[in-house]
Amino acid sequence: MNNKILIELQIPLIEKQFDLFIPINKKIGTIKNLVEQALVELTDSAYIPKEESNFYSKETGDIYDVNKTVRDTDLKNGSRIILI
């Protein structure tokens, strides 16, 4: 599994946390969209995607650029991110 990393995703809006494997060759924006679509289904539409939502580093508070691939960020196995 050299092409995926395991991250911890927290979603304060619905007070949930998930461990996810994400591919390192996909853009952050693509992953965000897929995660949001899955959240809509998993929460029976309790989570509503917003265009202005972003992934943030839990450690630094930095926003992840939606145009960068995961490989080009500081994300690694065990990284903790927040979807706000």
C-alpha atoms as a PDB file:
ATOM      1  CA  MET A   1       0.000   0.000   0.000  1.00  0.00           C
ATOM      2  CA  ASN A   2       2.702   2.449  -1.026  1.00  0.00           C
ATOM      3  CA  ASN A   3       0.157   4.571  -2.837  1.00  0.00           C
ATOM      4  CA  LYS A   4      -2.101   5.301   0.175  1.00  0.00           C
ATOM      5  CA  ILE A   5      -1.743   6.797   3.622  1.00  0.00           C
ATOM      6  CA  LEU A   6      -3.902   6.448   6.726  1.00  0.00           C
ATOM      7  CA  ILE A   7      -5.180   9.728   8.183  1.00  0.00           C
ATOM      8  CA  GLU A   8      -7.496  10.662  11.030  1.00  0.00           C
ATOM      9  CA  LEU A   9     -10.290  12.982   9.872  1.00  0.00           C
ATOM     10  CA  GLN A  10     -12.338  14.973  12.369  1.00  0.00           C
ATOM     11  CA  ILE A  11     -15.607  16.672  11.428  1.00  0.00           C
ATOM     12  CA  PRO A  12     -16.660  19.027  14.242  1.00  0.00           C
ATOM     13  CA  LEU A  13     -19.960  19.929  12.548  1.00  0.00           C
ATOM     14  CA  ILE A  14     -21.321  16.408  13.089  1.00  0.00           C
ATOM     15  CA  GLU A  15     -19.029  15.542  16.019  1.00  0.00           C
ATOM     16  CA  LYS A  16     -17.529  12.499  14.294  1.00  0.00           C
ATOM     17  CA  GLN A  17     -14.063  11.174  13.585  1.00  0.00           C
ATOM     18  CA  PHE A  18     -12.951   8.702  10.919  1.00  0.00           C
ATOM     19  CA  ASP A  19      -9.758   6.882   9.968  1.00  0.00           C
ATOM     20  CA  LEU A  20      -9.345   6.967   6.191  1.00  0.00           C
ATOM     21  CA  PHE A  21      -6.934   5.601   3.649  1.00  0.00           C
ATOM     22  CA  ILE A  22      -6.375   8.262   0.993  1.00  0.00           C
ATOM     23  CA  PRO A  23      -4.396   7.939  -2.261  1.00  0.00           C
ATOM     24  CA  ILE A  24      -1.232  10.031  -2.465  1.00  0.00           C
ATOM     25  CA  ASN A  25      -1.586  10.709  -6.196  1.00  0.00           C
ATOM     26  CA  LYS A  26      -4.988  12.486  -5.984  1.00  0.00           C
ATOM     27  CA  LYS A  27      -5.590  16.188  -5.425  1.00  0.00           C
ATOM     28  CA  ILE A  28      -6.757  17.363  -2.015  1.00  0.00           C
ATOM     29  CA  GLY A  29      -9.832  18.928  -3.651  1.00  0.00           C
ATOM     30  CA  THR A  30     -10.848  15.628  -5.231  1.00  0.00           C
ATOM     31  CA  ILE A  31     -10.471  13.813  -1.922  1.00  0.00           C
ATOM     32  CA  LYS A  32     -12.451  16.529  -0.119  1.00  0.00           C
ATOM     33  CA  ASN A  33     -15.323  16.175  -2.595  1.00  0.00           C
ATOM     34  CA  LEU A  34     -15.376  12.380  -2.276  1.00  0.00           C
ATOM     35  CA  VAL A  35     -15.279  12.557   1.518  1.00  0.00           C
ATOM     36  CA  GLU A  36     -18.120  15.083   1.577  1.00  0.00           C
ATOM     37  CA  GLN A  37     -20.243  12.917  -0.724  1.00  0.00           C
ATOM     38  CA  ALA A  38     -19.641   9.922   1.533  1.00  0.00           C
ATOM     39  CA  LEU A  39     -20.522  11.984   4.625  1.00  0.00           C
ATOM     40  CA  VAL A  40     -23.863  12.972   3.118  1.00  0.00           C
ATOM     41  CA  GLU A  41     -24.702   9.298   2.628  1.00  0.00           C
ATOM     42  CA  LEU A  42     -23.327   8.110   5.978  1.00  0.00           C
ATOM     43  CA  THR A  43     -25.162  10.780   7.982  1.00  0.00           C
ATOM     44  CA  ASP A  44     -28.482  10.639   6.107  1.00  0.00           C
ATOM     45  CA  SER A  45     -27.899  14.210   4.863  1.00  0.00           C
ATOM     46  CA  ALA A  46     -27.068  15.595   8.321  1.00  0.00           C
ATOM     47  CA  TYR A  47     -23.812  16.799   6.762  1.00  0.00           C
ATOM     48  CA  ILE A  48     -24.303  19.334   3.962  1.00  0.00           C
ATOM     49  CA  PRO A  49     -21.238  20.035   1.761  1.00  0.00           C
ATOM     50  CA  LYS A  50     -20.156  23.649   1.384  1.00  0.00           C
ATOM     51  CA  GLU A  51     -17.948  25.112  -1.308  1.00  0.00           C
ATOM     52  CA  GLU A  52     -15.918  27.013   1.286  1.00  0.00           C
ATOM     53  CA  SER A  53     -15.122  23.949   3.435  1.00  0.00           C
ATOM     54  CA  ASN A  54     -11.466  22.940   3.661  1.00  0.00           C
ATOM     55  CA  PHE A  55      -9.104  20.445   5.211  1.00  0.00           C
ATOM     56  CA  TYR A  56      -6.978  21.890   8.006  1.00  0.00           C
ATOM     57  CA  SER A  57      -3.977  20.419   9.776  1.00  0.00           C
ATOM     58  CA  LYS A  58      -4.907  19.678  13.372  1.00  0.00           C
ATOM     59  CA  GLU A  59      -1.337  20.301  14.520  1.00  0.00           C
ATOM     60  CA  THR A  60      -0.605  23.593  12.715  1.00  0.00           C
ATOM     61  CA  GLY A  61      -4.025  24.920  11.693  1.00  0.00           C
ATOM     62  CA  ASP A  62      -2.786  25.382   8.113  1.00  0.00           C
ATOM     63  CA  ILE A  63      -5.225  24.976   5.230  1.00  0.00           C
ATOM     64  CA  TYR A  64      -4.412  22.303   2.662  1.00  0.00           C
ATOM     65  CA  ASP A  65      -4.372  23.633  -0.907  1.00  0.00           C
ATOM     66  CA  VAL A  66      -7.105  21.875  -2.925  1.00  0.00           C
ATOM     67  CA  ASN A  67      -4.931  22.024  -6.061  1.00  0.00           C
ATOM     68  CA  LYS A  68      -2.010  20.065  -4.588  1.00  0.00           C
ATOM     69  CA  THR A  69      -1.723  16.307  -4.592  1.00  0.00           C
ATOM     70  CA  VAL A  70      -1.438  14.559  -1.251  1.00  0.00           C
ATOM     71  CA  ARG A  71       2.151  13.643  -2.170  1.00  0.00           C
ATOM     72  CA  ASP A  72       3.017  17.370  -2.398  1.00  0.00           C
ATOM     73  CA  THR A  73       1.775  18.152   1.122  1.00  0.00           C
ATOM     74  CA  ASP A  74       3.070  17.292   4.586  1.00  0.00           C
ATOM     75  CA  LEU A  75       0.427  14.571   5.008  1.00  0.00           C
ATOM     76  CA  LYS A  76       1.771  11.181   6.048  1.00  0.00           C
ATOM     77  CA  ASN A  77       0.557   8.064   7.849  1.00  0.00           C
ATOM     78  CA  GLY A  78      -1.053   9.099  11.108  1.00  0.00           C
ATOM     79  CA  SER A  79      -1.683  12.722  10.124  1.00  0.00           C
ATOM     80  CA  ARG A  80      -4.696  14.315  11.785  1.00  0.00           C
ATOM     81  CA  ILE A  81      -6.829  16.701   9.774  1.00  0.00           C
ATOM     82  CA  ILE A  82     -10.073  18.577  10.351  1.00  0.00           C
ATOM     83  CA  LEU A  83     -12.847  19.249   7.818  1.00  0.00           C
ATOM     84  CA  ILE A  84     -14.391  22.649   8.483  1.00  0.00           C
END
